[in-house]
């Protein structure tokens, strides 16, 4: 049977692109803001484009922050994409405005220091050791990025009985977090739905965890 995946519709994100990519990767996909469907699905995908603050407003408007927290409390998989990854962190800073995120991970999303912004196009990543998302992919594989903001410092330190999250990095002017694998919560700064065969392989790897 195909895994049942909900793409959360909260007014932000490439919803149809994500839907089509997940279907090609082998999922049965529903695009919805319905809380019950989002809670009950095998996997939840949280896309996102645009400003951090606007995405958080939209997410809260459909109780997406509560949906994410409730799924994770039960060990139910969640995948964030682009700004859908950024809002999982503690806060975002844009044009001097500080906006609280979901707080699943400590850390700040702020403007990258690079000669050219946005960071738009194909780039390689330094995948975490024993990564599930990047399993089977060549280290020189490129993924498609479109962003001017990112997380430049990983702040979550492991404690007793707490496994270290797998953090993947990329570089554009500065190093920034390109993906995180933290038990049921995973996320990518790049767009797997726009990353061709590489993105399809990554989505298949994620679907394999459901």
N, C-alpha and C. Protein backbone atom coordinates (compact mmCIF):
# COMPACT_ATOMS: atom_id res chain seq x y z
N UNK A 1 0.83 -1.20 0.00
CA UNK A 1 0.00 0.00 0.00
C UNK A 1 0.87 1.26 0.00
N UNK A 2 0.39 2.28 -0.69
CA UNK A 2 1.10 3.55 -0.69
C UNK A 2 0.92 4.26 0.64
N UNK A 3 1.98 4.87 1.17
CA UNK A 3 1.81 5.66 2.39
C UNK A 3 0.92 6.86 2.13
N UNK A 4 0.11 7.20 3.12
CA UNK A 4 -0.81 8.32 3.04
C UNK A 4 -0.11 9.58 3.56
N UNK A 5 0.04 10.58 2.69
CA UNK A 5 0.76 11.80 3.04
C UNK A 5 -0.15 13.01 2.86
N UNK A 6 -0.17 13.89 3.84
CA UNK A 6 -0.87 15.17 3.72
C UNK A 6 0.15 16.27 3.50
N UNK A 7 -0.07 17.09 2.47
CA UNK A 7 0.67 18.33 2.28
C UNK A 7 -0.18 19.43 2.92
N UNK A 8 0.36 20.07 3.95
CA UNK A 8 -0.43 21.02 4.72
C UNK A 8 -0.62 22.32 3.94
N UNK A 9 -1.87 22.67 3.72
CA UNK A 9 -2.22 23.88 3.01
C UNK A 9 -2.50 24.99 4.02
N UNK A 10 -1.54 25.91 4.16
CA UNK A 10 -1.75 27.03 5.07
C UNK A 10 -1.49 28.36 4.36
N UNK A 11 -1.65 28.35 3.03
CA UNK A 11 -1.51 29.56 2.24
C UNK A 11 -0.10 29.87 1.81
N UNK A 12 0.82 28.93 1.96
CA UNK A 12 2.21 29.17 1.58
C UNK A 12 2.82 27.89 1.06
N UNK A 13 3.58 28.01 -0.01
CA UNK A 13 4.31 26.83 -0.47
C UNK A 13 3.90 26.41 -1.86
N UNK A 14 4.76 25.63 -2.48
CA UNK A 14 4.48 25.08 -3.81
C UNK A 14 3.67 23.80 -3.63
N UNK A 15 2.40 23.98 -3.32
CA UNK A 15 1.58 22.83 -2.92
C UNK A 15 1.46 21.80 -4.03
N UNK A 16 1.14 22.24 -5.23
CA UNK A 16 0.92 21.28 -6.31
C UNK A 16 2.23 20.63 -6.74
N UNK A 17 3.31 21.40 -6.73
CA UNK A 17 4.61 20.80 -7.06
C UNK A 17 4.98 19.73 -6.04
N UNK A 18 4.75 20.02 -4.77
CA UNK A 18 5.03 19.03 -3.73
C UNK A 18 4.13 17.82 -3.88
N UNK A 19 2.86 18.06 -4.18
CA UNK A 19 1.91 16.96 -4.37
C UNK A 19 2.37 16.04 -5.50
N UNK A 20 2.70 16.62 -6.64
CA UNK A 20 3.09 15.80 -7.79
C UNK A 20 4.39 15.04 -7.51
N UNK A 21 5.35 15.71 -6.88
CA UNK A 21 6.63 15.04 -6.60
C UNK A 21 6.44 13.87 -5.64
N UNK A 22 5.62 14.06 -4.62
CA UNK A 22 5.37 12.98 -3.66
C UNK A 22 4.62 11.82 -4.31
N UNK A 23 3.69 12.15 -5.19
CA UNK A 23 2.98 11.08 -5.90
C UNK A 23 3.94 10.29 -6.78
N UNK A 24 4.84 10.97 -7.48
CA UNK A 24 5.83 10.27 -8.30
C UNK A 24 6.75 9.40 -7.45
N UNK A 25 7.01 9.85 -6.23
CA UNK A 25 7.88 9.09 -5.33
C UNK A 25 7.17 7.90 -4.70
N UNK A 26 5.84 7.83 -4.85
CA UNK A 26 5.13 6.63 -4.38
C UNK A 26 4.13 6.84 -3.27
N UNK A 27 3.71 8.08 -3.02
CA UNK A 27 2.77 8.36 -1.94
C UNK A 27 1.37 8.60 -2.49
N UNK A 28 0.38 8.36 -1.65
CA UNK A 28 -0.99 8.81 -1.90
C UNK A 28 -1.14 10.14 -1.17
N UNK A 29 -1.37 11.22 -1.92
CA UNK A 29 -1.23 12.58 -1.37
C UNK A 29 -2.56 13.31 -1.32
N UNK A 30 -2.78 14.01 -0.21
CA UNK A 30 -3.91 14.91 -0.05
C UNK A 30 -3.37 16.28 0.34
N UNK A 31 -3.82 17.32 -0.34
CA UNK A 31 -3.48 18.69 0.01
C UNK A 31 -4.65 19.27 0.78
N UNK A 32 -4.44 19.61 2.04
CA UNK A 32 -5.55 20.05 2.88
C UNK A 32 -5.04 20.83 4.09
N UNK A 33 -5.95 21.61 4.67
CA UNK A 33 -5.68 22.27 5.95
C UNK A 33 -6.46 21.60 7.07
N UNK A 34 -7.15 20.51 6.76
CA UNK A 34 -7.98 19.82 7.75
C UNK A 34 -7.12 19.21 8.85
N UNK A 35 -7.42 19.56 10.09
CA UNK A 35 -6.59 19.15 11.21
C UNK A 35 -6.63 17.64 11.41
N UNK A 36 -7.81 17.05 11.31
CA UNK A 36 -7.93 15.60 11.53
C UNK A 36 -7.13 14.82 10.50
N UNK A 37 -7.25 15.22 9.23
CA UNK A 37 -6.51 14.53 8.17
C UNK A 37 -5.01 14.67 8.38
N UNK A 38 -4.57 15.87 8.77
CA UNK A 38 -3.14 16.12 8.97
C UNK A 38 -2.60 15.33 10.15
N UNK A 39 -3.42 15.13 11.17
CA UNK A 39 -2.98 14.37 12.34
C UNK A 39 -2.95 12.87 12.06
N UNK A 40 -3.84 12.40 11.22
CA UNK A 40 -3.99 10.96 11.02
C UNK A 40 -3.13 10.39 9.91
N UNK A 41 -2.61 11.23 9.02
CA UNK A 41 -1.83 10.74 7.88
C UNK A 41 -0.56 10.04 8.34
N UNK A 42 -0.06 9.14 7.48
CA UNK A 42 1.21 8.48 7.78
C UNK A 42 2.35 9.50 7.86
N UNK A 43 2.31 10.49 6.97
CA UNK A 43 3.34 11.53 6.96
C UNK A 43 2.73 12.88 6.68
N UNK A 44 3.32 13.92 7.24
CA UNK A 44 2.88 15.29 7.01
C UNK A 44 4.02 16.09 6.39
N UNK A 45 3.74 16.78 5.29
CA UNK A 45 4.73 17.64 4.66
C UNK A 45 4.29 19.09 4.86
N UNK A 46 5.22 19.91 5.36
CA UNK A 46 4.96 21.33 5.60
C UNK A 46 5.86 22.14 4.66
N UNK A 47 5.32 22.58 3.50
CA UNK A 47 6.11 23.40 2.59
C UNK A 47 6.12 24.84 3.08
N UNK A 48 6.77 25.71 2.33
CA UNK A 48 6.76 27.12 2.71
C UNK A 48 7.63 27.94 1.79
N UNK A 49 7.09 29.10 1.36
CA UNK A 49 7.87 30.07 0.59
C UNK A 49 7.52 31.46 1.10
N UNK A 50 8.43 32.41 0.89
CA UNK A 50 8.15 33.77 1.27
C UNK A 50 8.74 34.13 2.62
N UNK A 51 8.08 35.07 3.30
CA UNK A 51 8.59 35.61 4.55
C UNK A 51 8.27 34.71 5.73
N UNK A 52 9.20 34.63 6.66
CA UNK A 52 9.05 33.82 7.87
C UNK A 52 7.79 34.22 8.63
N UNK A 53 7.60 35.53 8.86
CA UNK A 53 6.46 36.00 9.66
C UNK A 53 5.14 35.65 9.00
N UNK A 54 5.05 35.83 7.68
CA UNK A 54 3.81 35.52 6.98
C UNK A 54 3.51 34.03 7.03
N UNK A 55 4.55 33.21 6.91
CA UNK A 55 4.35 31.76 7.01
C UNK A 55 3.87 31.35 8.40
N UNK A 56 4.44 31.96 9.43
CA UNK A 56 3.98 31.64 10.78
C UNK A 56 2.54 32.07 10.99
N UNK A 57 2.16 33.22 10.46
CA UNK A 57 0.76 33.66 10.58
C UNK A 57 -0.17 32.67 9.90
N UNK A 58 0.20 32.24 8.69
CA UNK A 58 -0.62 31.28 7.98
C UNK A 58 -0.69 29.93 8.69
N UNK A 59 0.46 29.50 9.22
CA UNK A 59 0.50 28.22 9.91
C UNK A 59 -0.41 28.23 11.14
N UNK A 60 -0.33 29.30 11.92
CA UNK A 60 -1.17 29.39 13.12
C UNK A 60 -2.64 29.50 12.74
N UNK A 61 -2.92 30.08 11.58
CA UNK A 61 -4.30 30.23 11.14
C UNK A 61 -5.01 28.90 10.92
N UNK A 62 -4.24 27.85 10.62
CA UNK A 62 -4.84 26.51 10.45
C UNK A 62 -4.41 25.57 11.57
N UNK A 63 -3.89 26.16 12.66
CA UNK A 63 -3.41 25.39 13.82
C UNK A 63 -2.27 24.45 13.45
N UNK A 64 -1.48 24.86 12.44
CA UNK A 64 -0.39 24.02 11.99
C UNK A 64 0.67 23.80 13.04
N UNK A 65 0.93 24.82 13.87
CA UNK A 65 1.92 24.63 14.94
C UNK A 65 1.47 23.56 15.92
N UNK A 66 0.17 23.52 16.23
CA UNK A 66 -0.37 22.49 17.12
C UNK A 66 -0.34 21.12 16.44
N UNK A 67 -0.64 21.10 15.15
CA UNK A 67 -0.62 19.83 14.41
C UNK A 67 0.78 19.22 14.45
N UNK A 68 1.78 20.05 14.17
CA UNK A 68 3.16 19.56 14.17
C UNK A 68 3.54 19.04 15.55
N UNK A 69 3.24 19.81 16.59
CA UNK A 69 3.60 19.41 17.95
C UNK A 69 2.90 18.11 18.35
N UNK A 70 1.62 17.98 18.01
CA UNK A 70 0.88 16.77 18.38
C UNK A 70 1.40 15.56 17.63
N UNK A 71 1.72 15.72 16.36
CA UNK A 71 2.28 14.59 15.61
C UNK A 71 3.61 14.15 16.22
N UNK A 72 4.45 15.10 16.52
CA UNK A 72 5.77 14.75 17.04
C UNK A 72 5.68 14.13 18.43
N UNK A 73 4.72 14.57 19.23
CA UNK A 73 4.57 13.97 20.56
C UNK A 73 4.20 12.50 20.47
N UNK A 74 3.60 12.11 19.34
CA UNK A 74 3.25 10.71 19.13
C UNK A 74 4.22 10.00 18.21
N UNK A 75 5.35 10.64 17.87
CA UNK A 75 6.34 10.01 17.00
C UNK A 75 5.90 9.89 15.56
N UNK A 76 4.99 10.79 15.11
CA UNK A 76 4.47 10.72 13.74
C UNK A 76 5.31 11.61 12.83
N UNK A 77 5.76 11.11 11.68
CA UNK A 77 6.72 11.83 10.84
C UNK A 77 6.19 13.15 10.26
N UNK A 78 7.10 14.14 10.25
CA UNK A 78 6.85 15.46 9.66
C UNK A 78 8.07 15.82 8.83
N UNK A 79 7.83 16.36 7.62
CA UNK A 79 8.91 16.84 6.75
C UNK A 79 8.65 18.29 6.41
N UNK A 80 9.57 19.19 6.81
CA UNK A 80 9.48 20.60 6.45
C UNK A 80 10.33 20.89 5.23
N UNK A 81 9.86 21.81 4.38
CA UNK A 81 10.57 22.15 3.15
C UNK A 81 10.72 23.67 3.05
N UNK A 82 11.94 24.14 2.82
CA UNK A 82 12.29 25.55 2.64
C UNK A 82 11.85 26.36 3.86
N UNK A 83 10.95 27.35 3.71
CA UNK A 83 10.51 28.09 4.89
C UNK A 83 9.76 27.16 5.84
N UNK A 84 9.23 26.06 5.32
CA UNK A 84 8.63 25.04 6.18
C UNK A 84 9.65 24.38 7.09
N UNK A 85 10.94 24.45 6.76
CA UNK A 85 12.00 24.05 7.67
C UNK A 85 12.32 25.19 8.62
N UNK A 86 12.42 26.39 8.09
CA UNK A 86 12.84 27.52 8.91
C UNK A 86 11.90 27.76 10.09
N UNK A 87 10.59 27.63 9.88
CA UNK A 87 9.63 27.90 10.95
C UNK A 87 9.66 26.87 12.06
N UNK A 88 10.40 25.79 11.87
CA UNK A 88 10.55 24.81 12.94
C UNK A 88 11.53 25.29 14.02
N UNK A 89 12.31 26.32 13.69
CA UNK A 89 13.30 26.83 14.64
C UNK A 89 12.68 27.85 15.59
N UNK A 90 13.49 28.32 16.52
CA UNK A 90 12.99 29.18 17.59
C UNK A 90 12.48 30.52 17.13
N UNK A 91 13.20 31.16 16.18
CA UNK A 91 12.77 32.49 15.75
C UNK A 91 13.37 32.83 14.40
N UNK A 92 12.72 33.79 13.75
CA UNK A 92 13.22 34.32 12.49
C UNK A 92 13.38 35.82 12.61
N UNK A 93 14.42 36.36 11.97
CA UNK A 93 14.69 37.79 12.01
C UNK A 93 14.73 38.30 10.57
N UNK A 94 13.79 39.16 10.23
CA UNK A 94 13.72 39.75 8.89
C UNK A 94 13.51 41.25 9.00
N UNK A 95 14.42 42.03 8.41
CA UNK A 95 14.30 43.50 8.41
C UNK A 95 14.13 44.04 9.82
N UNK A 96 14.84 43.44 10.78
CA UNK A 96 14.79 43.89 12.16
C UNK A 96 13.61 43.37 12.95
N UNK A 97 12.70 42.69 12.32
CA UNK A 97 11.53 42.14 13.00
C UNK A 97 11.81 40.71 13.45
N UNK A 98 11.56 40.44 14.72
CA UNK A 98 11.77 39.10 15.28
C UNK A 98 10.41 38.41 15.41
N UNK A 99 10.31 37.21 14.85
CA UNK A 99 9.07 36.44 14.89
C UNK A 99 9.35 35.08 15.50
N UNK A 100 8.55 34.68 16.48
CA UNK A 100 8.70 33.36 17.07
C UNK A 100 8.30 32.28 16.08
N UNK A 101 9.12 31.21 16.02
CA UNK A 101 8.78 30.05 15.23
C UNK A 101 8.13 28.98 16.07
N UNK A 102 8.11 27.76 15.56
CA UNK A 102 7.48 26.66 16.30
C UNK A 102 8.32 26.21 17.49
N UNK A 103 9.62 26.48 17.44
CA UNK A 103 10.48 26.15 18.57
C UNK A 103 10.78 24.67 18.74
N UNK A 104 10.64 23.89 17.67
CA UNK A 104 10.99 22.48 17.78
C UNK A 104 12.50 22.31 17.92
N UNK A 105 13.25 23.24 17.34
CA UNK A 105 14.70 23.30 17.50
C UNK A 105 15.08 24.71 17.92
N UNK A 106 16.04 24.88 18.83
CA UNK A 106 16.54 26.22 19.11
C UNK A 106 17.34 26.73 17.92
N UNK A 107 17.37 28.03 17.76
CA UNK A 107 18.14 28.58 16.66
C UNK A 107 17.43 29.74 16.01
N UNK A 108 18.19 30.52 15.24
CA UNK A 108 17.68 31.73 14.62
C UNK A 108 17.85 31.66 13.11
N UNK A 109 16.78 31.98 12.40
CA UNK A 109 16.82 32.12 10.95
C UNK A 109 17.06 33.59 10.64
N UNK A 110 18.18 33.90 10.00
CA UNK A 110 18.44 35.29 9.64
C UNK A 110 19.10 35.36 8.26
N UNK A 111 19.35 36.56 7.81
CA UNK A 111 19.83 36.78 6.45
C UNK A 111 21.23 36.21 6.28
N UNK A 112 21.43 35.50 5.18
CA UNK A 112 22.75 34.97 4.87
C UNK A 112 23.71 36.11 4.53
N UNK A 113 24.97 35.89 4.81
CA UNK A 113 26.01 36.85 4.43
C UNK A 113 26.68 36.33 3.17
N UNK A 114 26.25 36.87 2.04
CA UNK A 114 26.76 36.39 0.76
C UNK A 114 26.77 37.54 -0.23
N UNK A 115 27.68 37.50 -1.20
CA UNK A 115 27.75 38.60 -2.18
C UNK A 115 26.54 38.67 -3.08
N UNK A 116 25.85 37.55 -3.28
CA UNK A 116 24.67 37.53 -4.14
C UNK A 116 23.52 36.86 -3.39
N UNK A 117 22.41 37.55 -3.28
CA UNK A 117 21.20 36.99 -2.69
C UNK A 117 20.02 37.36 -3.59
N UNK A 118 19.02 36.49 -3.71
CA UNK A 118 18.92 35.21 -3.01
C UNK A 118 19.90 34.16 -3.52
N UNK A 119 20.12 33.16 -2.69
CA UNK A 119 20.84 31.95 -3.09
C UNK A 119 19.86 31.16 -3.95
N UNK A 120 20.04 31.23 -5.25
CA UNK A 120 19.07 30.62 -6.17
C UNK A 120 19.80 29.73 -7.16
N UNK A 121 19.43 28.47 -7.18
CA UNK A 121 20.02 27.53 -8.12
C UNK A 121 20.49 26.27 -7.44
N UNK A 122 21.36 25.55 -8.14
CA UNK A 122 21.78 24.21 -7.71
C UNK A 122 23.04 24.28 -6.87
N UNK A 123 23.05 23.50 -5.80
CA UNK A 123 24.21 23.50 -4.92
C UNK A 123 24.36 22.12 -4.30
N UNK A 124 25.60 21.81 -3.94
CA UNK A 124 25.87 20.55 -3.25
C UNK A 124 25.63 20.72 -1.75
N UNK A 125 25.61 19.59 -1.05
CA UNK A 125 25.46 19.60 0.40
C UNK A 125 26.50 18.66 1.01
N UNK A 126 26.77 18.87 2.30
CA UNK A 126 27.64 17.96 3.05
C UNK A 126 26.73 17.15 3.96
N UNK A 127 26.34 15.99 3.47
CA UNK A 127 25.35 15.19 4.18
C UNK A 127 25.89 14.66 5.51
N UNK A 128 25.02 14.59 6.49
CA UNK A 128 25.38 14.05 7.80
C UNK A 128 25.75 12.57 7.68
N UNK A 129 26.63 12.14 8.56
CA UNK A 129 27.02 10.74 8.57
C UNK A 129 25.80 9.87 8.87
N UNK A 130 25.67 8.76 8.15
CA UNK A 130 24.56 7.82 8.33
C UNK A 130 23.21 8.47 8.05
N UNK A 131 23.18 9.45 7.17
CA UNK A 131 21.93 10.10 6.82
C UNK A 131 20.97 9.11 6.17
N UNK A 132 19.71 9.22 6.53
CA UNK A 132 18.65 8.45 5.88
C UNK A 132 18.18 9.17 4.62
N UNK A 133 17.96 10.47 4.71
CA UNK A 133 17.45 11.23 3.58
C UNK A 133 18.38 11.15 2.38
N UNK A 134 19.70 11.18 2.61
CA UNK A 134 20.66 11.23 1.51
C UNK A 134 21.27 9.87 1.19
N UNK A 135 20.72 8.82 1.76
CA UNK A 135 21.25 7.47 1.52
C UNK A 135 21.23 7.15 0.03
N UNK A 136 22.36 6.65 -0.47
CA UNK A 136 22.45 6.24 -1.86
C UNK A 136 22.75 7.36 -2.84
N UNK A 137 22.86 8.59 -2.34
CA UNK A 137 23.14 9.72 -3.22
C UNK A 137 24.62 10.08 -3.21
N UNK A 138 25.15 10.41 -4.36
CA UNK A 138 26.55 10.79 -4.50
C UNK A 138 26.81 12.10 -3.76
N UNK A 139 27.98 12.24 -3.12
CA UNK A 139 28.29 13.49 -2.41
C UNK A 139 28.26 14.73 -3.29
N UNK A 140 28.42 14.56 -4.61
CA UNK A 140 28.40 15.71 -5.51
C UNK A 140 27.00 16.01 -6.05
N UNK A 141 26.00 15.29 -5.56
CA UNK A 141 24.62 15.54 -5.99
C UNK A 141 24.21 16.97 -5.65
N UNK A 142 23.52 17.61 -6.57
CA UNK A 142 23.08 18.99 -6.36
C UNK A 142 21.57 19.07 -6.16
N UNK A 143 21.18 20.01 -5.31
CA UNK A 143 19.77 20.25 -5.01
C UNK A 143 19.43 21.70 -5.29
N UNK A 144 18.14 21.97 -5.49
CA UNK A 144 17.72 23.30 -5.91
C UNK A 144 17.31 24.16 -4.72
N UNK A 145 17.99 25.30 -4.55
CA UNK A 145 17.75 26.23 -3.45
C UNK A 145 17.18 27.54 -3.99
N UNK A 146 16.29 28.16 -3.20
CA UNK A 146 15.83 29.52 -3.45
C UNK A 146 15.57 30.16 -2.09
N UNK A 147 16.52 30.95 -1.58
CA UNK A 147 16.33 31.57 -0.26
C UNK A 147 17.40 32.63 -0.02
N UNK A 148 17.06 33.57 0.85
CA UNK A 148 18.02 34.59 1.30
C UNK A 148 18.31 34.46 2.78
N UNK A 149 17.52 33.64 3.48
CA UNK A 149 17.66 33.47 4.92
C UNK A 149 17.93 32.01 5.24
N UNK A 150 18.57 31.79 6.37
CA UNK A 150 18.86 30.42 6.77
C UNK A 150 19.37 30.36 8.19
N UNK A 151 19.65 29.16 8.64
CA UNK A 151 20.19 28.93 9.99
C UNK A 151 21.68 28.70 9.86
N UNK A 152 22.46 29.60 10.45
CA UNK A 152 23.92 29.52 10.30
C UNK A 152 24.60 28.83 11.46
N UNK A 153 23.88 28.64 12.56
CA UNK A 153 24.48 28.02 13.74
C UNK A 153 23.51 26.98 14.30
N UNK A 154 24.00 25.76 14.46
CA UNK A 154 23.18 24.71 15.07
C UNK A 154 23.36 24.77 16.58
N UNK A 155 22.26 24.95 17.32
CA UNK A 155 22.35 25.22 18.74
C UNK A 155 21.91 24.06 19.64
N UNK A 156 21.26 23.05 19.08
CA UNK A 156 20.73 21.97 19.91
C UNK A 156 21.84 20.97 20.23
N UNK A 157 22.17 20.85 21.50
CA UNK A 157 23.21 19.93 21.94
C UNK A 157 22.57 18.67 22.54
N UNK A 158 23.11 17.50 22.25
CA UNK A 158 22.54 16.27 22.80
C UNK A 158 22.78 16.18 24.30
N UNK A 159 21.86 15.53 24.97
CA UNK A 159 22.00 15.29 26.41
C UNK A 159 21.87 13.81 26.70
N UNK A 160 21.82 13.42 27.98
CA UNK A 160 21.67 12.02 28.34
C UNK A 160 20.42 11.41 27.73
N UNK A 161 20.59 10.32 27.02
CA UNK A 161 19.46 9.63 26.42
C UNK A 161 18.89 10.33 25.20
N UNK A 162 19.58 11.34 24.71
CA UNK A 162 19.09 12.13 23.59
C UNK A 162 20.08 12.01 22.43
N UNK A 163 19.62 11.42 21.34
CA UNK A 163 20.50 11.19 20.20
C UNK A 163 20.79 12.50 19.48
N UNK A 164 21.99 12.66 19.00
CA UNK A 164 22.37 13.86 18.26
C UNK A 164 21.64 13.88 16.92
N UNK A 165 20.93 14.95 16.61
CA UNK A 165 20.30 15.06 15.29
C UNK A 165 21.35 15.04 14.19
N UNK A 166 20.96 14.56 13.03
CA UNK A 166 21.84 14.53 11.88
C UNK A 166 21.64 15.82 11.10
N UNK A 167 22.67 16.63 11.05
CA UNK A 167 22.58 17.95 10.42
C UNK A 167 23.44 17.97 9.15
N UNK A 168 22.82 18.35 8.05
CA UNK A 168 23.48 18.47 6.75
C UNK A 168 23.67 19.95 6.45
N UNK A 169 24.85 20.29 5.90
CA UNK A 169 25.20 21.69 5.65
C UNK A 169 25.40 21.96 4.17
N UNK A 170 25.25 23.24 3.80
CA UNK A 170 25.63 23.70 2.47
C UNK A 170 26.33 25.03 2.65
N UNK A 171 26.78 25.60 1.54
CA UNK A 171 27.56 26.85 1.63
C UNK A 171 27.16 27.80 0.51
N UNK A 172 26.84 29.05 0.91
CA UNK A 172 26.65 30.14 -0.03
C UNK A 172 27.05 31.42 0.70
N UNK A 173 28.28 31.83 0.50
CA UNK A 173 28.81 32.94 1.28
C UNK A 173 29.24 32.49 2.67
N UNK A 174 28.34 31.79 3.35
CA UNK A 174 28.58 31.21 4.67
C UNK A 174 27.98 29.81 4.70
N UNK A 175 28.41 29.01 5.69
CA UNK A 175 27.76 27.72 5.89
C UNK A 175 26.36 27.94 6.47
N UNK A 176 25.42 27.11 6.05
CA UNK A 176 24.08 27.16 6.60
C UNK A 176 23.50 25.74 6.62
N UNK A 177 22.50 25.55 7.47
CA UNK A 177 21.88 24.24 7.61
C UNK A 177 21.03 23.95 6.37
N UNK A 178 21.33 22.84 5.70
CA UNK A 178 20.62 22.45 4.49
C UNK A 178 19.56 21.39 4.75
N UNK A 179 19.72 20.62 5.83
CA UNK A 179 18.74 19.59 6.17
C UNK A 179 18.99 19.13 7.60
N UNK A 180 17.93 18.64 8.22
CA UNK A 180 18.02 18.09 9.57
C UNK A 180 17.21 16.81 9.63
N UNK A 181 17.76 15.80 10.31
CA UNK A 181 17.04 14.56 10.58
C UNK A 181 17.06 14.34 12.08
N UNK A 182 15.90 14.43 12.70
CA UNK A 182 15.80 14.39 14.16
C UNK A 182 14.63 13.49 14.54
N UNK A 183 14.85 12.17 14.44
CA UNK A 183 13.76 11.23 14.71
C UNK A 183 12.65 11.42 13.70
N UNK A 184 11.39 11.62 14.16
CA UNK A 184 10.28 11.78 13.22
C UNK A 184 10.25 13.13 12.53
N UNK A 185 11.06 14.08 12.99
CA UNK A 185 11.06 15.42 12.41
C UNK A 185 12.26 15.59 11.49
N UNK A 186 11.98 15.80 10.20
CA UNK A 186 13.02 16.01 9.21
C UNK A 186 12.67 17.24 8.40
N UNK A 187 13.68 17.85 7.80
CA UNK A 187 13.44 19.07 7.04
C UNK A 187 14.58 19.34 6.09
N UNK A 188 14.28 20.06 5.00
CA UNK A 188 15.29 20.48 4.03
C UNK A 188 15.11 21.96 3.72
N UNK A 189 16.23 22.69 3.61
CA UNK A 189 16.18 24.08 3.18
C UNK A 189 15.94 24.16 1.67
N UNK A 190 16.47 23.22 0.91
CA UNK A 190 16.26 23.18 -0.53
C UNK A 190 14.89 22.60 -0.86
N UNK A 191 14.55 22.65 -2.13
CA UNK A 191 13.26 22.14 -2.61
C UNK A 191 13.44 20.77 -3.26
N UNK A 192 13.15 19.68 -2.57
CA UNK A 192 13.26 18.38 -3.24
C UNK A 192 12.30 18.24 -4.42
N UNK A 193 11.14 18.91 -4.34
CA UNK A 193 10.16 18.81 -5.42
C UNK A 193 10.63 19.50 -6.69
N UNK A 194 11.69 20.33 -6.60
CA UNK A 194 12.25 21.01 -7.77
C UNK A 194 13.65 20.50 -8.11
N UNK A 195 14.06 19.43 -7.44
CA UNK A 195 15.45 18.97 -7.56
C UNK A 195 15.59 17.72 -8.43
N UNK A 196 14.65 17.49 -9.33
CA UNK A 196 14.78 16.42 -10.30
C UNK A 196 14.93 15.05 -9.67
N UNK A 197 15.80 14.23 -10.28
CA UNK A 197 15.99 12.86 -9.82
C UNK A 197 16.53 12.81 -8.39
N UNK A 198 17.39 13.77 -8.04
CA UNK A 198 17.94 13.80 -6.69
C UNK A 198 16.83 14.02 -5.66
N UNK A 199 15.93 14.95 -5.97
CA UNK A 199 14.82 15.20 -5.06
C UNK A 199 13.90 14.01 -4.95
N UNK A 200 13.66 13.33 -6.08
CA UNK A 200 12.82 12.13 -6.04
C UNK A 200 13.44 11.05 -5.16
N UNK A 201 14.75 10.87 -5.27
CA UNK A 201 15.44 9.88 -4.44
C UNK A 201 15.30 10.22 -2.97
N UNK A 202 15.47 11.52 -2.64
CA UNK A 202 15.34 11.92 -1.24
C UNK A 202 13.93 11.71 -0.72
N UNK A 203 12.92 12.05 -1.54
CA UNK A 203 11.54 11.85 -1.10
C UNK A 203 11.22 10.38 -0.93
N UNK A 204 11.75 9.54 -1.81
CA UNK A 204 11.55 8.09 -1.65
C UNK A 204 12.20 7.61 -0.34
N UNK A 205 13.37 8.14 -0.04
CA UNK A 205 14.02 7.77 1.22
C UNK A 205 13.16 8.17 2.42
N UNK A 206 12.55 9.38 2.35
CA UNK A 206 11.68 9.81 3.44
C UNK A 206 10.43 8.93 3.53
N UNK A 207 9.83 8.65 2.40
CA UNK A 207 8.63 7.80 2.40
C UNK A 207 8.94 6.43 2.99
N UNK A 208 10.16 5.97 2.79
CA UNK A 208 10.57 4.68 3.34
C UNK A 208 10.61 4.65 4.84
N UNK A 209 10.59 5.82 5.50
CA UNK A 209 10.61 5.88 6.97
C UNK A 209 9.20 5.84 7.56
N UNK A 210 8.17 5.99 6.71
CA UNK A 210 6.80 6.08 7.23
C UNK A 210 6.26 4.73 7.67
